[in-house]
Every structure is written in C-alpha cells, then in structure tokens.
Protein backbone atom coordinates (compact mmCIF):
# COMPACT_ATOMS: atom_id res chain seq x y z
CA MET A 1 -127.69 -77.21 127.76
CA PRO A 2 -130.60 -75.91 125.66
CA ASP A 3 -132.11 -72.48 126.17
CA ILE A 4 -134.03 -72.14 129.44
CA LEU A 5 -136.39 -69.29 130.35
CA GLN A 6 -135.24 -69.24 133.98
CA ILE A 7 -133.57 -71.38 136.60
CA PHE A 8 -135.24 -69.92 139.69
CA GLN A 9 -138.96 -69.23 139.66
CA MET A 10 -141.08 -67.71 142.39
CA ARG A 11 -144.28 -69.65 141.75
CA ASP A 12 -145.22 -73.29 141.10
CA THR A 13 -145.66 -72.93 137.35
CA GLU A 14 -143.91 -70.87 134.70
CA ALA A 15 -147.14 -69.04 133.86
CA GLU A 16 -147.67 -68.10 137.52
CA HIS A 17 -144.05 -67.02 137.78
CA LEU A 18 -144.44 -64.68 134.80
CA GLU A 19 -147.57 -63.19 136.39
CA TRP A 20 -145.53 -62.60 139.58
CA LEU A 21 -142.70 -61.05 137.60
CA LEU A 22 -145.03 -58.58 135.85
CA GLY A 23 -146.55 -57.69 139.20
CA GLN A 24 -143.12 -56.38 140.27
CA ARG A 25 -142.79 -54.15 137.21
CA ASN A 26 -144.38 -50.83 136.37
CA ILE A 27 -145.36 -50.66 132.72
CA PRO A 28 -146.79 -47.24 131.84
CA PRO A 29 -149.74 -46.73 129.46
CA ARG A 30 -148.91 -47.19 125.75
CA ALA A 31 -145.40 -48.24 126.69
CA ASN A 32 -142.79 -48.99 124.07
CA ILE A 33 -141.14 -52.19 125.38
CA LEU A 34 -137.88 -53.87 124.35
CA ASP A 35 -137.45 -57.50 125.45
CA ILE A 36 -133.82 -58.63 125.12
CA GLY A 37 -133.13 -62.35 124.94
CA CYS A 38 -136.86 -62.96 124.85
CA GLY A 39 -136.73 -66.73 124.26
CA THR A 40 -140.02 -67.84 122.74
CA GLY A 41 -141.76 -64.62 123.81
CA ALA A 42 -143.58 -66.13 126.80
CA LEU A 43 -143.29 -62.94 128.82
CA ALA A 44 -144.40 -60.81 125.87
CA ALA A 45 -147.47 -63.03 125.45
CA THR A 46 -148.30 -62.59 129.14
CA ILE A 47 -147.98 -58.82 128.86
CA LEU A 48 -150.18 -58.67 125.77
CA LYS A 49 -152.92 -60.66 127.53
CA GLN A 50 -153.10 -57.89 130.14
CA ARG A 51 -152.20 -54.85 128.06
CA SER A 52 -153.33 -54.30 124.50
CA ASP A 53 -152.04 -50.71 124.51
CA VAL A 54 -148.32 -51.55 124.52
CA HIS A 55 -145.88 -52.16 121.68
CA ILE A 56 -143.24 -54.86 122.14
CA THR A 57 -139.99 -55.39 120.26
CA LEU A 58 -138.28 -58.75 120.70
CA VAL A 59 -134.54 -59.31 120.23
CA ASN A 60 -133.18 -62.84 120.02
CA PRO A 61 -130.51 -64.30 117.70
CA ASN A 62 -132.41 -67.62 117.75
CA LYS A 63 -134.81 -67.41 114.77
CA GLU A 64 -136.54 -70.66 115.70
CA GLN A 65 -137.51 -69.26 119.09
CA LEU A 66 -138.59 -65.93 117.58
CA ASN A 67 -140.94 -67.71 115.17
CA ARG A 68 -142.84 -69.06 118.19
CA ALA A 69 -143.26 -65.58 119.72
CA PRO A 70 -146.50 -63.55 119.34
CA ASP A 71 -146.97 -62.27 115.79
CA SER A 72 -148.05 -58.84 117.03
CA CYS A 73 -144.51 -58.19 118.30
CA PHE A 74 -141.79 -56.64 116.17
CA LYS A 75 -139.04 -59.27 115.94
CA ILE A 76 -135.31 -58.76 115.42
CA ALA A 77 -133.15 -61.87 114.95
CA MET A 78 -129.85 -60.37 116.03
CA ALA A 79 -127.34 -60.72 118.83
CA LEU A 80 -126.78 -57.75 121.13
CA ASP A 81 -123.25 -57.27 119.85
CA ASP A 82 -124.34 -57.23 116.20
CA PRO A 83 -122.98 -53.94 114.76
CA ASP A 84 -126.20 -53.52 112.75
CA LEU A 85 -128.48 -53.65 115.81
CA PRO A 86 -128.35 -49.87 116.45
CA TYR A 87 -129.81 -49.33 112.98
CA GLU A 88 -132.79 -51.56 113.81
CA LEU A 89 -133.78 -49.92 117.09
CA PRO A 90 -134.79 -46.30 117.82
CA HIS A 91 -132.29 -44.56 120.07
CA GLY A 92 -133.54 -43.59 123.53
CA GLU A 93 -137.22 -44.31 122.87
CA TYR A 94 -138.05 -47.39 124.94
CA ASP A 95 -140.10 -46.83 128.09
CA VAL A 96 -139.30 -50.29 129.40
CA ILE A 97 -136.41 -52.64 128.63
CA ILE A 98 -136.61 -56.24 129.86
CA CYS A 99 -133.80 -58.77 130.08
CA ASP A 100 -134.54 -62.02 131.93
CA TYR A 101 -131.92 -64.75 132.30
CA CYS A 102 -129.71 -63.35 129.61
CA VAL A 103 -127.01 -61.31 131.37
CA GLY A 104 -124.74 -64.32 131.81
CA PHE A 105 -124.69 -64.93 128.08
CA VAL A 106 -124.34 -61.35 126.81
CA SER A 107 -122.37 -59.75 129.72
CA ALA A 108 -123.56 -57.00 132.06
CA GLU A 109 -121.32 -54.48 130.30
CA LEU A 110 -122.96 -55.07 126.93
CA LEU A 111 -126.45 -55.10 128.42
CA CYS A 112 -125.87 -51.77 130.19
CA ASP A 113 -124.48 -50.32 126.95
CA VAL A 114 -127.73 -51.31 125.23
CA ILE A 115 -129.79 -49.82 128.06
CA GLN A 116 -127.75 -46.62 127.80
CA GLY A 117 -128.39 -46.44 124.08
CA PHE A 118 -132.06 -47.32 123.83
CA LEU A 119 -133.81 -46.60 127.15
CA ALA A 120 -135.70 -43.31 127.35
CA ASP A 121 -134.42 -40.84 129.96
CA THR A 122 -137.54 -41.45 132.06
CA GLY A 123 -137.68 -45.17 131.32
CA THR A 124 -136.97 -48.23 133.45
CA ALA A 125 -135.11 -51.45 132.70
CA TYR A 126 -135.89 -54.70 134.54
CA VAL A 127 -133.44 -57.58 134.76
CA TYR A 128 -134.37 -60.87 136.43
CA ASP A 129 -131.31 -63.06 136.81
CA MET A 130 -128.97 -64.63 139.35
CA THR A 131 -126.30 -63.29 141.67
CA SER A 132 -123.76 -64.67 144.12
CA ASP A 133 -121.45 -63.30 146.77
CA TRP A 134 -118.43 -65.07 145.34
CA LEU A 135 -119.22 -67.26 142.29
CA THR A 136 -118.51 -65.68 138.90
CA GLU A 137 -119.87 -68.43 136.67
CA ILE A 138 -121.98 -71.60 136.76
CA MET A 139 -122.61 -74.60 134.52
CA SER A 140 -118.91 -75.07 133.73
CA GLY A 141 -118.52 -71.50 132.57
CA GLU A 142 -121.57 -71.46 130.28
CA TYR A 143 -123.24 -68.71 132.30
CA ARG A 144 -121.55 -65.75 133.98
CA ILE A 145 -122.65 -64.55 137.42
CA TYR A 146 -122.30 -60.95 138.63
CA PRO A 147 -122.17 -60.12 142.35
CA CYS A 148 -124.62 -57.35 143.23
CA GLU A 149 -121.97 -54.68 143.82
CA SER A 150 -120.25 -55.50 140.52
CA PHE A 151 -123.49 -55.21 138.58
CA LYS A 152 -124.37 -51.93 140.30
CA ASP A 153 -120.92 -50.51 139.51
CA ILE A 154 -121.20 -51.48 135.84
CA ALA A 155 -124.58 -49.76 135.59
CA LYS A 156 -123.43 -46.71 137.52
CA HIS A 157 -120.37 -46.29 135.30
CA ARG A 158 -122.85 -45.75 132.48
CA GLY A 159 -124.95 -43.30 134.46
CA TYR A 160 -127.64 -45.66 135.78
CA ALA A 161 -128.84 -46.72 139.22
CA ALA A 162 -129.43 -50.46 139.61
CA VAL A 163 -131.62 -51.27 142.62
CA ALA A 164 -132.33 -54.86 143.66
CA LEU A 165 -136.08 -55.17 144.21
CA PRO A 166 -137.04 -57.10 147.35
CA ILE A 167 -137.76 -60.82 146.88
CA ALA A 168 -139.56 -62.04 149.96
CA GLU A 169 -140.56 -65.48 148.65
CA THR A 170 -138.37 -68.58 148.74
CA PRO A 171 -137.34 -69.44 145.17
CA GLN A 172 -137.69 -72.88 143.66
CA ILE A 173 -135.95 -74.56 140.76
CA ALA A 174 -137.97 -74.12 137.58
CA GLU A 175 -139.60 -77.32 136.40
CA ALA A 176 -138.28 -76.98 132.84
CA PHE A 177 -134.73 -76.52 134.09
CA GLY A 178 -135.09 -79.49 136.42
CA GLU A 179 -136.13 -81.69 133.50
CA VAL A 180 -133.14 -80.60 131.44
CA LEU A 181 -130.77 -81.13 134.36
CA ALA A 182 -132.16 -84.63 134.96
CA ALA A 183 -131.13 -85.61 131.44
CA GLU A 184 -127.50 -84.68 132.06
CA THR A 185 -124.76 -86.98 133.36
CA PRO A 186 -124.39 -87.43 137.12
CA ASP A 187 -121.15 -85.41 137.07
CA VAL A 188 -122.88 -82.46 135.38
CA GLN A 189 -125.82 -82.71 137.78
CA ARG A 190 -123.56 -82.62 140.83
CA SER A 191 -121.57 -79.68 139.43
CA VAL A 192 -124.67 -77.62 138.65
CA GLN A 193 -126.35 -78.43 141.96
CA ARG A 194 -123.18 -77.41 143.80
CA ASP A 195 -123.13 -74.11 141.91
CA LEU A 196 -126.81 -73.41 142.51
CA GLY A 197 -126.23 -73.75 146.25
CA HIS A 198 -124.24 -70.53 146.10
CA VAL A 199 -126.47 -68.41 143.85
CA ARG A 200 -129.80 -66.71 144.37
CA PRO A 201 -132.31 -64.83 142.19
CA VAL A 202 -132.07 -61.09 141.83
CA HIS A 203 -134.51 -58.65 140.24
CA TRP A 204 -132.89 -55.40 139.14
CA GLN A 205 -134.69 -52.13 138.51
CA ILE A 206 -132.46 -49.83 136.46
CA ARG A 207 -133.06 -46.12 135.92
CA LYS A 208 -131.04 -43.21 134.65
CA LEU A 209 -129.13 -41.24 137.26
CA ASN A 210 -129.30 -37.51 136.54
CA THR A 211 -129.20 -36.07 140.06
CA MET A 212 -126.36 -35.74 142.54
CA LEU A 213 -126.58 -34.95 146.25
CA ALA A 214 -123.43 -33.50 147.83
CA PHE A 215 -123.12 -35.15 151.25
CA SER A 216 -120.59 -33.88 153.79
CA GLY A 217 -121.65 -35.62 156.99
CA GLY A 218 -122.77 -32.35 158.56
CA LYS A 219 -126.22 -31.53 159.90
CA ASP A 220 -127.45 -29.76 156.78
CA SER A 221 -126.58 -32.54 154.33
CA MET A 222 -128.01 -35.09 156.77
CA ALA A 223 -131.29 -33.16 156.88
CA VAL A 224 -131.41 -33.02 153.08
CA LEU A 225 -130.82 -36.77 152.91
CA ALA A 226 -133.75 -37.37 155.24
CA LEU A 227 -136.05 -34.96 153.39
CA LEU A 228 -135.37 -36.71 150.08
CA GLU A 229 -135.69 -40.26 151.40
CA ASP A 230 -138.39 -41.16 148.85
CA GLU A 231 -136.25 -39.95 145.92
CA LEU A 232 -132.95 -41.62 146.77
CA GLU A 233 -133.29 -44.46 144.27
CA ARG A 234 -132.58 -41.94 141.52
CA ILE A 235 -130.01 -39.80 143.35
CA ASP A 236 -126.26 -40.34 143.50
CA ILE A 237 -125.08 -39.46 147.02
CA VAL A 238 -121.55 -38.13 146.63
CA TYR A 239 -119.08 -37.63 149.47
CA VAL A 240 -115.60 -36.10 149.20
CA ASN A 241 -113.09 -37.78 151.49
CA THR A 242 -110.24 -35.32 151.99
CA GLY A 243 -108.17 -37.86 153.93
CA GLN A 244 -108.55 -35.75 157.08
CA ALA A 245 -112.13 -36.50 158.10
CA PHE A 246 -112.90 -37.00 161.78
CA ASN A 247 -113.83 -40.51 162.91
CA GLU A 248 -117.41 -39.40 163.54
CA ILE A 249 -117.79 -38.52 159.87
CA SER A 250 -116.11 -41.71 158.65
CA VAL A 251 -118.48 -43.86 160.72
CA LEU A 252 -121.53 -41.90 159.53
CA VAL A 253 -120.40 -42.07 155.90
CA ASP A 254 -119.89 -45.84 156.15
CA TYR A 255 -123.45 -46.17 157.43
CA ILE A 256 -124.90 -43.97 154.68
CA ARG A 257 -122.94 -45.96 152.11
CA LEU A 258 -124.44 -49.18 153.49
CA VAL A 259 -128.09 -48.08 153.44
CA SER A 260 -128.12 -45.91 150.29
CA PRO A 261 -129.10 -47.21 146.84
CA ASN A 262 -126.38 -45.11 145.19
CA PHE A 263 -123.27 -43.83 146.90
CA THR A 264 -119.99 -42.46 145.53
CA GLU A 265 -116.87 -41.51 147.45
CA ILE A 266 -114.41 -39.12 145.83
CA ARG A 267 -110.94 -39.12 147.37
CA THR A 268 -108.69 -36.09 147.57
CA ASP A 269 -105.43 -35.59 149.47
CA VAL A 270 -105.54 -32.47 151.60
CA ASP A 271 -102.29 -33.35 153.39
CA THR A 272 -100.35 -33.27 150.12
CA PHE A 273 -102.15 -30.08 149.13
CA HIS A 274 -101.05 -28.45 152.40
CA GLU A 275 -97.47 -29.53 151.77
CA ASP A 276 -97.49 -28.12 148.24
CA TYR A 277 -99.54 -24.95 148.69
CA GLY A 278 -99.79 -24.28 152.41
CA TRP A 279 -102.22 -24.24 155.29
CA PRO A 280 -105.53 -22.42 154.82
CA CYS A 281 -106.09 -19.19 156.72
CA ASP A 282 -108.62 -16.36 156.96
CA VAL A 283 -106.02 -13.55 156.98
CA LEU A 284 -103.38 -14.22 154.33
CA PRO A 285 -99.91 -12.68 154.51
CA VAL A 286 -98.93 -12.50 150.84
CA ASP A 287 -95.26 -13.24 151.47
CA SER A 288 -96.28 -16.59 152.98
CA THR A 289 -97.99 -17.81 149.82
CA PRO A 290 -96.03 -20.10 147.47
CA LEU A 291 -95.63 -17.22 144.99
CA GLY A 292 -94.73 -14.76 147.74
CA GLN A 293 -92.02 -17.03 149.07
CA THR A 294 -90.61 -17.46 145.57
CA VAL A 295 -90.40 -13.69 145.10
CA THR A 296 -88.99 -12.94 148.57
CA LYS A 297 -86.82 -16.06 148.70
CA GLY A 298 -88.49 -16.81 152.02
CA ASN A 299 -88.48 -19.99 154.02
CA LYS A 300 -91.70 -19.59 156.00
CA GLN A 301 -94.56 -21.98 156.45
CA LYS A 302 -96.57 -21.77 153.23
CA LEU A 303 -100.10 -20.41 153.62
CA ILE A 304 -103.05 -20.16 151.24
CA ASP A 305 -106.46 -18.55 151.32
CA TYR A 306 -109.14 -20.86 152.71
CA LEU A 307 -111.39 -20.46 149.66
CA SER A 308 -108.77 -21.96 147.34
CA CYS A 309 -108.16 -24.83 149.75
CA CYS A 310 -111.86 -25.77 149.90
CA LEU A 311 -112.30 -25.27 146.17
CA HIS A 312 -109.39 -27.55 145.28
CA ASN A 313 -110.10 -30.32 147.79
CA ILE A 314 -113.92 -30.39 147.93
CA GLN A 315 -115.91 -28.13 145.62
CA GLN A 316 -114.00 -28.61 142.37
CA PRO A 317 -113.89 -32.42 142.62
CA LEU A 318 -117.67 -32.39 143.15
CA ALA A 319 -118.20 -30.12 140.15
CA ASP A 320 -115.88 -32.20 137.96
CA TYR A 321 -117.69 -35.41 138.93
CA ALA A 322 -121.12 -33.91 138.16
CA LYS A 323 -119.89 -32.72 134.76
CA GLU A 324 -118.25 -36.06 133.98
CA ARG A 325 -121.48 -37.92 134.77
CA GLY A 326 -123.66 -35.46 132.91
CA TYR A 327 -125.90 -34.76 135.89
CA THR A 328 -128.58 -32.15 135.28
CA THR A 329 -129.48 -31.56 138.94
CA VAL A 330 -127.17 -30.96 141.90
CA ILE A 331 -128.63 -30.98 145.41
CA ARG A 332 -126.85 -29.30 148.31
CA GLY A 333 -127.60 -28.35 151.91
CA ASP A 334 -127.12 -24.59 151.48
CA ARG A 335 -129.27 -22.26 153.58
CA ALA A 336 -130.04 -18.62 152.83
CA ASP A 337 -129.10 -17.53 156.38
CA GLU A 338 -125.55 -18.92 156.26
CA HIS A 339 -122.64 -16.51 156.65
CA HIS A 340 -120.53 -18.38 154.11
CA GLY A 341 -122.02 -19.74 150.90
CA ALA A 342 -121.68 -19.90 147.14
CA PRO A 343 -123.37 -17.09 145.15
CA LEU A 344 -126.20 -19.45 144.19
CA TYR A 345 -129.83 -19.89 145.24
CA ASP A 346 -132.44 -22.62 145.16
CA GLY A 347 -133.41 -23.19 141.53
CA TYR A 348 -130.28 -21.53 140.11
CA LYS A 349 -129.38 -22.80 136.63
CA GLU A 350 -126.04 -22.75 134.87
CA ASP A 351 -124.63 -24.76 131.95
CA GLY A 352 -127.68 -27.01 131.89
CA VAL A 353 -127.45 -27.83 135.62
CA THR A 354 -130.19 -26.94 138.11
CA TYR A 355 -129.20 -26.45 141.76
CA ARG A 356 -131.69 -27.57 144.39
CA PHE A 357 -131.33 -26.36 147.98
CA PRO A 358 -134.15 -28.04 149.97
CA LEU A 359 -133.07 -26.21 153.16
CA TRP A 360 -132.89 -22.77 151.54
CA ASP A 361 -135.68 -21.33 153.71
CA PHE A 362 -134.68 -23.22 156.88
CA SER A 363 -132.92 -21.58 159.79
CA GLU A 364 -130.18 -23.43 161.62
CA GLU A 365 -132.53 -23.99 164.55
CA GLN A 366 -135.18 -25.44 162.25
CA VAL A 367 -132.61 -27.90 160.86
CA LYS A 368 -131.69 -28.97 164.39
CA THR A 369 -135.34 -29.35 165.37
CA TYR A 370 -136.05 -31.42 162.25
CA LEU A 371 -133.13 -33.79 162.81
CA LYS A 372 -134.06 -34.32 166.46
CA ALA A 373 -137.68 -35.02 165.49
CA GLN A 374 -136.48 -37.61 162.97
CA GLY A 375 -134.22 -39.27 165.53
CA LEU A 376 -131.15 -38.37 163.47
CA TRP A 377 -129.36 -36.03 165.85
CA LEU A 378 -125.67 -36.66 166.47
CA PRO A 379 -123.42 -34.83 168.97
CA HIS A 380 -121.18 -33.20 166.35
CA PHE A 381 -124.23 -31.59 164.69
CA ASP A 382 -124.18 -29.07 167.55
CA LEU A 383 -120.98 -27.53 166.11
CA ASP A 384 -121.20 -24.53 163.81
CA HIS A 385 -119.02 -26.29 161.23
CA SER A 386 -120.46 -29.78 161.66
CA SER A 387 -119.15 -31.48 158.52
CA LEU A 388 -115.76 -32.05 160.21
CA ASP A 389 -114.14 -32.83 156.87
CA CYS A 390 -110.60 -31.65 157.75
CA LYS A 391 -109.33 -32.24 161.29
CA HIS A 392 -106.38 -29.84 160.88
CA CYS A 393 -108.29 -26.98 159.24
CA THR A 394 -106.88 -23.61 160.32
CA ALA A 395 -109.52 -21.41 158.70
CA TYR A 396 -113.12 -20.36 159.43
CA LEU A 397 -111.95 -19.02 162.78
CA GLY A 398 -115.34 -17.51 163.58
CA SER A 399 -116.77 -21.01 163.96
CA ARG A 400 -113.72 -22.58 165.59
CA PRO A 401 -114.08 -21.90 169.37
CA LYS A 402 -116.77 -24.52 169.94
CA GLN A 403 -115.06 -26.96 167.56
CA LEU A 404 -111.67 -26.59 169.24
CA ALA A 405 -113.27 -27.28 172.62
CA TYR A 406 -114.93 -30.36 171.10
CA MET A 407 -111.60 -31.47 169.63
CA ARG A 408 -109.76 -30.98 172.93
CA GLU A 409 -112.25 -33.26 174.64
CA ASN A 410 -112.62 -35.90 171.92
CA HIS A 411 -109.59 -35.62 169.60
CA ALA A 412 -106.64 -34.39 171.63
CA ASP A 413 -103.96 -35.17 169.01
CA ALA A 414 -105.83 -33.27 166.29
CA TYR A 415 -106.50 -30.41 168.73
CA PHE A 416 -102.85 -29.86 169.65
CA GLU A 417 -101.67 -30.13 166.05
CA THR A 418 -104.26 -27.58 164.92
CA LEU A 419 -103.30 -25.28 167.80
CA ARG A 420 -99.63 -25.56 166.80
CA ARG A 421 -100.45 -24.57 163.26
CA LEU A 422 -102.60 -21.64 164.39
CA GLN A 423 -99.74 -20.34 166.52
CA ILE A 424 -97.37 -20.44 163.53
CA ILE A 425 -99.93 -18.64 161.36
CA ASN A 426 -100.47 -16.05 164.06
CA GLN A 427 -96.74 -15.38 164.30
CA GLN A 428 -96.34 -14.96 160.54
CA ILE A 429 -99.32 -12.60 160.33
CA THR A 430 -98.05 -10.61 163.33
CA ASN A 431 -94.60 -10.24 161.79
CA ASP A 432 -96.01 -9.09 158.46
CA LEU A 433 -98.15 -6.48 160.21
CA ILE A 434 -95.20 -4.82 161.97
CA PRO A 435 -94.35 -2.44 159.04
CA LEU A 436 -98.01 -1.41 158.78
CA LYS A 437 -98.26 -0.72 162.51
CA GLU A 438 -95.06 1.31 162.40
CA LEU A 439 -96.45 3.46 159.58
CA LEU A 440 -99.68 4.07 161.44
C-alpha cells in the first residue's frame, strides 16, 4: 500500500483532523520541532499557519514527499536508523518531537531511542498511532502494532513516561485510506477490515522521567501520593515488594498500579535473606550473627541488626534503581517528628540527587487528618508502622504492640509465627546476658 497519513481520523476531513490533533498538543513559544515520518509535511503546514515563531525539522526517507513539504522547514531525507542521522540533528535540543503513523514502520524501540537522543529534558514528544490489546501487526505484517503496556514499557526503559491522552470522540476511517483500500483485492480488503476491528487510535504524550516517589503502602507515602496528584505524569512511583507484604498492602499496591501513569515494582526476597543472614532484631547478641556463629562454632538461630535488614531488602534496592535510571529527584514520606529516619531533610542534595519530603513539617495527626479529609483512610493506617511490608518482622518493637494485636485479629498465622520468632530471640538474648548479670 502507498504511504498514508493516518488510518483513523477524529474529524470528517484530514485538515479538520490535523486541527484537532494540534489542539491536543502543547507547543511552547519559539519551539524547536522535529517531525519524524512527516509524509508530505501536512501537519507542519498546519502548524506554520498558526505559529510563525516555531522552527520545524522534517525527517522522511522519501525525497518525493519531502519536496512537497513547506519550504520554510529544514528537511532531512534519511531513515531513522541511518547511522549519519545523529550528525544531522542537534542532540537534546528539540522542544517537541512528533511522530504520527510511523511507529509501525520504524519500531517503538528505535523511535524511543531517537526521542532519548534528541528531545530536550523539558520537552514533550507526541505520537498519534494505533494500539490493540492483542494484535501485533496489521496489513499482512506491513505495520506493527504495540499494545499500550508494551509501548509504555519501551519508553520507560529509556527513562520516559508515555501517557495515553484521552480520546473521547469516536474515530472514523480516513477518507484517503478508504480510497486506497477500495482499490485492493477483496481478500486484502477483508483482511485489513478484520484487523481494523481489533485496533484503535492512541495519542501518546511522552516526557522524560527524572523523579521517583518511594511508595510503601503506609499512611505517609499514601499522603504524599495524594498531595502530588497533579505531578504524577512525570513521577515514577516505585514500590519494593519484599515477598512478605500483608494482603492489605498487596491490594492497595495493585490499585495504585492500575490508576498511576507510571508504576514500578522492585522485588526482593526477604525470606531468603532471613535464611542466609538471620532475623532482624533491636537488641543484637553478637554470637548470634552469621560471623559470631562462625567464630563460636554455634548453632543458634541467626540474627541480624534491623538496620541492615531494611537496608538490604528495601532502601538499597530503591537507591540502586534511582541511580540506574538517573533520577535527579527522589520523593519520600519522611517526617521531621519521626523517631526513626534517615539523616536527611527536605531539600537535601547528594551526588546530584535532590530529596523531597512533602510531609516534613506534618505531624502524624496531621497526616491522619489529611487522609481522612481526602477519603483515603484505611484501617491499617492507624498502626504506628503502617507500611506492613514484612509480616514476620521481629524488629521495631516499640511500634509492635498495636500491630501484633492487629495481626492476631486479622492475620493469625503471621501473628503466631512472629510470636514464635520473638520468643526464640528473647531466649538467645537472655542467655547471652547471663555472664553480664553475673558480673554485675
């Protein structure tokens, strides 16, 4: 089939459709625009009619089509995978990158690589194309289709958030495409029409992700999530699943995953960690540590300090992920009045990363009041340690009485296993204290 500007259009005519498309896009003053797979430059011509202050670069390997594009545009007759293309385009300087009905020809991976290379850090890319819940190609393999989650994952792997803009109108088949399809054989027509019954238009807005929000499922991180609702399109919500989370947290996390533009789950294995290094505890008998048992040739239950347990299974994986992604801002639910907390403060900077603590000046009561006012209160938020990330945690004993009572009522199996472990820890600590008591 010959080149087609689009298959689905949202208005009766192509010109009206392009006007609609531009209405969905924010083009800043004096924008530097890159239009990939521009066709004959119809969209560029529409932009230039409205905005004389912008500069547009067109990329299309089809020289015949480029010759029909507006002369005021800078034209590059190259394919996206041409190794010389990076020498023709300024790196990271485009305020807006546009790619309409081109992804299926060039691949989402290549397109996102181009966006990563040439979009300014504060810029936005717009991609109008097709998606499907299960089809991966149409037109006998001539055009590749990407399900929404696949496209989002490809963009996110490169550090970008792809958000599907709402399309309220019912799409129609573009007149030009209908004419081309009518000229095909009946077999081709039936095949294409069958495929089109399973695809729909999608309009992606793509922006750089440079901020991470550490979400635990507790009341503080939930309050932060609500406070930053208007910023979430550019924030990666990151949750660490230790493998021991309570059901309440798993259900909440599944909901947040469903409604959030960007969500990442990091998996760790706290059960294996406990087997290898021991159970966490607040008072650590040295002979019960892995090293202590090696030195004393002991055969006790291995124990480890609670700080190392949390660092290995939650904090370090979060830090490693932020570093790997190159995030420049990390948001957490820390409060200044907390008994336990990292030696950081709101606005703290280290190694090019700024830490934001939106609840820094909140008291615990203020957090509770805020969540209740927002209609976001959940029963487990009433616990001192409300993240409930490890059901068999044997540390943080100062906050455990209320949680153990909650566990006994709602999670009996976890309660009795935790109690069993605490009794073993208590016995080992008591035994190790005998020589000290005798001396005193």
